Amino acid sequence: MKLACSDYTFPLLTPEEACTLIASLGFEGVNVGVWGSITQLRADDAAADPAGTGRAVASLLRGHGLVPADVFLIANPDYSVLAVNHPDAGERQRSRDLFGRWLELAAEAGAEGLTVLPGLDFDGVPHEESLGRAAEELAHRVEAGAAAGLAVSVEPHIGSVVASPKDTIRLLELTPGLRLTLDHSHFAMQGYGVAELDPVLDRTRHLHARGARAERLQVGMKENVIDYEHVVGGLRDAGFDGFLITEYLWIDQGRCDECDTLSETILMRDRLRVALEAHPS
């Protein structure tokens, strides 16, 4: 297992400054965010020149002795726009077309794979229909990723079609080859226990790590209820060899801007290092 830090943890820094800081903290990799908002790389700009953007990312990371742990793609701050399981067939096709550009970006960046969102529940559409449509579209992305030599993951999140451990397990059953970028904070906020996600650890490609508790997506380590020693131990037993990625956000949504992202990143880094050494926290 290796440690990485998300570049979008520090949204006020330039990409150069963020990489300088991440390297100085001793991380091996960078989780490169390409979103419609808050990240150093914006989705629209990257989609306009995916190959050039990917090469620029590779050059920047290489210059700081870092590697791309992952490329995390969110096309629009409104998650319903270009959602993989959108009820409108034309919107789904636009999402598929855009995914081809994301593959090009990730390949040029030198990443081993990329992470996308799993889709939503839509008004008037039965949950099982939304889940099945998500599985169908994600299967297409897994196939396209494999053809490009890239793994494809989704991150289950609050408000998504797979907001519960049960639905996350079901999506994986419906979509062979699909992997997870697993973030326990989205489940801890809803009151789910850490062990409820143990069945998906063998399908986890990367872990996102931050403090969380019931009703709060992000908190400092003093309030955190996620047992990361248990998580890392379970990943080890499952043969996991991906990145453990710190992922603190500095945005006003969900009061995430109440965390000192630098200090909490350091605390999480140290906690994960101890867990990797299999010593008591």
Protein backbone atom coordinates (compact mmCIF):
# COMPACT_ATOMS: atom_id res chain seq x y z
CA MET A 1 0.00 0.00 0.00
CA LYS A 2 1.11 3.54 -0.74
CA LEU A 3 0.08 6.96 0.53
CA ALA A 4 -1.26 9.81 -1.58
CA CYS A 5 -2.82 13.21 -1.03
CA SER A 6 -5.59 14.92 -3.00
CA ASP A 7 -4.45 18.08 -4.77
CA TYR A 8 -7.89 19.66 -4.28
CA THR A 9 -7.37 19.62 -0.51
CA PHE A 10 -5.57 22.92 -1.09
CA PRO A 11 -7.81 24.80 -3.57
CA LEU A 12 -6.15 28.17 -2.96
CA LEU A 13 -2.78 26.87 -4.18
CA THR A 14 -1.68 26.62 -7.78
CA PRO A 15 -1.00 23.09 -9.10
CA GLU A 16 2.74 23.79 -8.73
CA GLU A 17 2.34 24.94 -5.13
CA ALA A 18 0.06 22.01 -4.26
CA CYS A 19 2.56 19.49 -5.61
CA THR A 20 5.42 21.17 -3.77
CA LEU A 21 3.49 20.92 -0.51
CA ILE A 22 2.35 17.32 -1.08
CA ALA A 23 5.88 16.21 -1.88
CA SER A 24 7.23 17.99 1.21
CA LEU A 25 4.76 16.02 3.35
CA GLY A 26 6.28 12.74 2.17
CA PHE A 27 3.42 11.44 0.04
CA GLU A 28 4.24 9.22 -2.93
CA GLY A 29 1.23 10.05 -5.06
CA VAL A 30 -1.32 12.70 -5.91
CA ASN A 31 -5.04 12.20 -6.34
CA VAL A 32 -5.66 14.53 -9.29
CA GLY A 33 -9.08 16.15 -9.16
CA VAL A 34 -10.72 17.22 -12.41
CA TRP A 35 -14.07 18.67 -11.41
CA GLY A 36 -16.46 21.30 -12.58
CA SER A 37 -15.54 23.33 -9.49
CA ILE A 38 -13.02 23.77 -6.63
CA THR A 39 -10.17 21.78 -8.20
CA GLN A 40 -7.02 23.16 -9.77
CA LEU A 41 -7.99 21.44 -13.05
CA ARG A 42 -11.49 22.25 -14.33
CA ALA A 43 -13.47 19.65 -16.20
CA ASP A 44 -14.43 21.85 -19.16
CA ASP A 45 -10.86 22.96 -19.75
CA ALA A 46 -9.54 19.42 -19.48
CA ALA A 47 -12.19 18.06 -21.85
CA ALA A 48 -11.17 20.61 -24.47
CA ASP A 49 -7.64 19.18 -24.57
CA PRO A 50 -7.49 15.88 -22.67
CA ALA A 51 -4.17 14.69 -24.10
CA GLY A 52 -2.44 18.00 -23.49
CA THR A 53 -3.87 18.24 -19.99
CA GLY A 54 -2.76 14.70 -19.19
CA ARG A 55 0.78 15.35 -20.42
CA ALA A 56 0.95 18.55 -18.37
CA VAL A 57 -0.15 16.63 -15.25
CA ALA A 58 2.45 13.92 -15.86
CA SER A 59 5.21 16.50 -16.30
CA LEU A 60 4.21 18.44 -13.19
CA LEU A 61 4.10 15.36 -10.96
CA ARG A 62 7.32 13.94 -12.36
CA GLY A 63 9.07 17.22 -11.62
CA HIS A 64 8.19 16.81 -7.94
CA GLY A 65 9.02 13.10 -7.69
CA LEU A 66 5.33 12.20 -7.47
CA VAL A 67 3.10 9.78 -9.37
CA PRO A 68 -0.61 10.04 -10.26
CA ALA A 69 -2.37 7.90 -7.67
CA ASP A 70 -5.66 8.41 -9.48
CA VAL A 71 -7.64 10.82 -11.64
CA PHE A 72 -10.97 11.71 -10.04
CA LEU A 73 -13.45 13.11 -12.54
CA ILE A 74 -16.65 15.03 -11.85
CA ALA A 75 -18.04 16.64 -14.97
CA ASN A 76 -20.34 19.17 -13.32
CA PRO A 77 -21.05 20.45 -9.79
CA ASP A 78 -24.68 19.47 -10.50
CA TYR A 79 -24.30 15.70 -10.33
CA SER A 80 -27.43 15.14 -12.39
CA VAL A 81 -25.77 16.73 -15.42
CA LEU A 82 -24.09 13.98 -17.47
CA ALA A 83 -24.96 11.40 -14.80
CA VAL A 84 -24.12 7.92 -16.05
CA ASN A 85 -27.70 6.73 -15.40
CA HIS A 86 -29.57 9.84 -16.50
CA PRO A 87 -33.12 8.94 -17.67
CA ASP A 88 -32.54 10.82 -20.93
CA ALA A 89 -30.76 8.64 -23.50
CA GLY A 90 -29.17 11.66 -25.16
CA GLU A 91 -27.64 12.79 -21.88
CA ARG A 92 -26.29 9.29 -21.27
CA GLN A 93 -24.70 9.28 -24.72
CA ARG A 94 -23.07 12.65 -24.06
CA SER A 95 -21.70 11.21 -20.83
CA ARG A 96 -20.31 8.19 -22.70
CA ASP A 97 -18.68 10.43 -25.28
CA LEU A 98 -17.09 12.56 -22.60
CA PHE A 99 -15.77 9.46 -20.84
CA GLY A 100 -13.66 8.69 -23.90
CA ARG A 101 -11.92 12.03 -23.39
CA TRP A 102 -11.36 11.24 -19.70
CA LEU A 103 -9.69 7.98 -20.69
CA GLU A 104 -7.32 9.88 -22.93
CA LEU A 105 -6.49 12.32 -20.15
CA ALA A 106 -5.83 9.58 -17.57
CA ALA A 107 -3.67 7.58 -19.98
CA GLU A 108 -1.53 10.60 -20.88
CA ALA A 109 -1.19 11.49 -17.19
CA GLY A 110 0.27 8.05 -16.54
CA ALA A 111 -2.49 6.96 -14.17
CA GLU A 112 -3.43 3.30 -13.80
CA GLY A 113 -7.11 4.17 -13.75
CA LEU A 114 -9.73 6.77 -13.05
CA THR A 115 -12.66 7.37 -10.73
CA VAL A 116 -16.12 8.60 -11.74
CA LEU A 117 -19.44 9.01 -9.94
CA PRO A 118 -21.99 6.15 -9.88
CA GLY A 119 -25.12 8.08 -10.80
CA LEU A 120 -28.21 9.21 -8.91
CA ASP A 121 -31.79 8.33 -8.12
CA PHE A 122 -34.08 10.44 -10.30
CA ASP A 123 -37.61 11.60 -9.53
CA GLY A 124 -40.20 9.30 -11.02
CA VAL A 125 -37.70 6.51 -11.72
CA PRO A 126 -37.79 3.40 -9.49
CA HIS A 127 -34.60 2.87 -7.55
CA GLU A 128 -33.95 -0.57 -9.07
CA GLU A 129 -34.29 0.88 -12.55
CA SER A 130 -31.79 3.63 -11.74
CA LEU A 131 -29.41 1.09 -10.23
CA GLY A 132 -29.70 -1.23 -13.23
CA ARG A 133 -29.14 1.61 -15.67
CA ALA A 134 -26.06 2.68 -13.71
CA ALA A 135 -24.70 -0.86 -13.89
CA GLU A 136 -25.30 -1.02 -17.65
CA GLU A 137 -23.53 2.28 -18.33
CA LEU A 138 -20.67 1.56 -15.95
CA ALA A 139 -20.13 -1.82 -17.60
CA HIS A 140 -19.56 0.03 -20.86
CA ARG A 141 -16.99 2.25 -19.13
CA VAL A 142 -15.22 -0.74 -17.58
CA GLU A 143 -14.95 -2.29 -21.05
CA ALA A 144 -13.69 0.94 -22.60
CA GLY A 145 -11.21 1.38 -19.75
CA ALA A 146 -9.89 -2.16 -20.17
CA ALA A 147 -9.35 -1.54 -23.88
CA ALA A 148 -7.23 1.48 -22.91
CA GLY A 149 -5.38 -0.43 -20.17
CA LEU A 150 -7.10 1.53 -17.39
CA ALA A 151 -9.12 0.43 -14.37
CA VAL A 152 -12.44 2.17 -13.71
CA SER A 153 -13.79 2.90 -10.24
CA VAL A 154 -16.80 4.66 -8.80
CA GLU A 155 -17.03 6.46 -5.49
CA PRO A 156 -20.30 5.72 -3.66
CA HIS A 157 -21.46 8.95 -2.06
CA ILE A 158 -24.28 10.54 -0.14
CA GLY A 159 -27.24 11.16 -2.44
CA SER A 160 -26.05 8.69 -5.07
CA VAL A 161 -27.80 5.59 -6.33
CA VAL A 162 -25.43 3.60 -4.08
CA ALA A 163 -25.58 5.61 -0.84
CA SER A 164 -25.90 2.47 1.32
CA PRO A 165 -23.58 -0.52 1.78
CA LYS A 166 -26.36 -2.80 0.47
CA ASP A 167 -26.72 -0.90 -2.80
CA THR A 168 -22.94 -0.62 -3.19
CA ILE A 169 -22.65 -4.40 -2.94
CA ARG A 170 -25.53 -4.81 -5.40
CA LEU A 171 -23.90 -2.50 -7.98
CA LEU A 172 -20.69 -4.52 -7.83
CA GLU A 173 -22.66 -7.74 -8.30
CA LEU A 174 -24.32 -6.26 -11.38
CA THR A 175 -21.09 -4.88 -12.85
CA PRO A 176 -18.19 -7.35 -13.11
CA GLY A 177 -14.86 -5.60 -13.38
CA LEU A 178 -16.05 -2.39 -11.75
CA ARG A 179 -13.87 -1.26 -8.83
CA LEU A 180 -14.47 1.10 -5.92
CA THR A 181 -12.80 4.21 -4.70
CA LEU A 182 -14.09 3.74 -1.19
CA ASP A 183 -14.75 6.65 1.16
CA HIS A 184 -16.15 5.57 4.51
CA SER A 185 -17.06 9.15 5.44
CA HIS A 186 -20.13 9.05 3.18
CA PHE A 187 -21.40 6.05 5.12
CA ALA A 188 -20.29 7.14 8.60
CA MET A 189 -22.27 10.37 8.16
CA GLN A 190 -25.41 8.27 7.69
CA GLY A 191 -24.69 6.14 10.76
CA TYR A 192 -23.45 2.98 9.02
CA GLY A 193 -20.74 1.00 10.79
CA VAL A 194 -17.29 0.53 9.31
CA ALA A 195 -17.63 -3.26 9.21
CA GLU A 196 -20.72 -3.03 6.97
CA LEU A 197 -18.35 -2.21 4.12
CA ASP A 198 -15.97 -5.12 4.72
CA PRO A 199 -17.66 -7.18 1.95
CA VAL A 200 -16.50 -4.68 -0.70
CA LEU A 201 -12.87 -4.39 0.36
CA ASP A 202 -11.81 -7.00 -2.20
CA ARG A 203 -13.25 -4.79 -4.97
CA THR A 204 -11.62 -1.60 -3.67
CA ARG A 205 -9.00 0.01 -5.89
CA HIS A 206 -8.24 3.07 -3.75
CA LEU A 207 -9.27 4.37 -0.33
CA HIS A 208 -10.23 7.97 0.42
CA ALA A 209 -9.55 8.82 4.05
CA ARG A 210 -10.74 11.69 6.23
CA GLY A 211 -12.42 12.12 9.58
CA ALA A 212 -16.21 11.86 9.79
CA ARG A 213 -18.99 11.14 12.25
CA ALA A 214 -22.77 10.84 12.27
CA GLU A 215 -24.37 13.80 10.47
CA ARG A 216 -20.98 15.29 9.51
CA LEU A 217 -19.17 14.36 6.30
CA GLN A 218 -15.87 15.83 7.46
CA VAL A 219 -14.52 16.49 10.94
CA GLY A 220 -11.16 16.66 12.63
CA MET A 221 -9.46 13.60 14.02
CA LYS A 222 -10.71 14.36 17.54
CA GLU A 223 -14.29 13.76 16.43
CA ASN A 224 -13.67 11.00 13.88
CA VAL A 225 -15.47 7.68 14.40
CA ILE A 226 -14.02 5.72 11.46
CA ASP A 227 -11.71 2.92 12.62
CA TYR A 228 -8.96 3.23 10.03
CA GLU A 229 -6.90 0.51 11.70
CA HIS A 230 -9.77 -1.88 11.00
CA VAL A 231 -10.09 -0.61 7.42
CA VAL A 232 -6.38 -0.90 6.62
CA GLY A 233 -6.24 -4.34 8.21
CA GLY A 234 -9.19 -5.48 6.14
CA LEU A 235 -7.65 -4.12 2.97
CA ARG A 236 -4.40 -5.91 3.77
CA ASP A 237 -6.30 -9.20 4.24
CA ALA A 238 -8.03 -8.60 0.88
CA GLY A 239 -4.68 -8.25 -0.90
CA PHE A 240 -5.11 -4.53 -1.53
CA ASP A 241 -2.12 -2.83 -3.17
CA GLY A 242 -3.61 0.54 -4.12
CA PHE A 243 -3.27 4.00 -2.64
CA LEU A 244 -4.52 5.21 0.71
CA ILE A 245 -5.49 8.76 -0.22
CA THR A 246 -6.11 11.57 2.23
CA GLU A 247 -9.08 13.59 0.99
CA TYR A 248 -9.96 16.65 3.01
CA LEU A 249 -12.07 19.34 1.36
CA TRP A 250 -12.10 23.07 2.01
CA ILE A 251 -15.57 24.10 0.86
CA ASP A 252 -18.56 25.61 2.65
CA GLN A 253 -20.79 22.69 1.68
CA GLY A 254 -21.49 20.50 4.68
CA ARG A 255 -19.31 22.77 6.89
CA CYS A 256 -16.19 21.20 5.41
CA ASP A 257 -14.47 24.58 5.62
CA GLU A 258 -14.39 24.24 9.41
CA CYS A 259 -11.45 21.82 9.15
CA ASP A 260 -7.80 22.85 9.00
CA THR A 261 -7.12 20.71 5.96
CA LEU A 262 -3.33 20.87 6.25
CA SER A 263 -3.17 19.84 9.90
CA GLU A 264 -5.80 17.13 9.47
CA THR A 265 -4.01 15.78 6.40
CA ILE A 266 -0.84 15.43 8.45
CA LEU A 267 -2.72 13.70 11.28
CA MET A 268 -4.39 11.29 8.86
CA ARG A 269 -1.08 10.62 7.10
CA ASP A 270 0.49 9.67 10.41
CA ARG A 271 -2.44 7.52 11.45
CA LEU A 272 -2.34 5.61 8.17
CA ARG A 273 1.41 5.14 8.49
CA VAL A 274 0.93 3.60 11.93
CA ALA A 275 -1.87 1.38 10.61
CA LEU A 276 0.37 0.21 7.78
CA GLU A 277 3.01 -0.78 10.32
CA ALA A 278 0.32 -2.81 12.12
CA HIS A 279 1.14 -1.13 15.41
CA PRO A 280 -1.49 0.12 17.89
CA SER A 281 -2.70 3.65 17.10
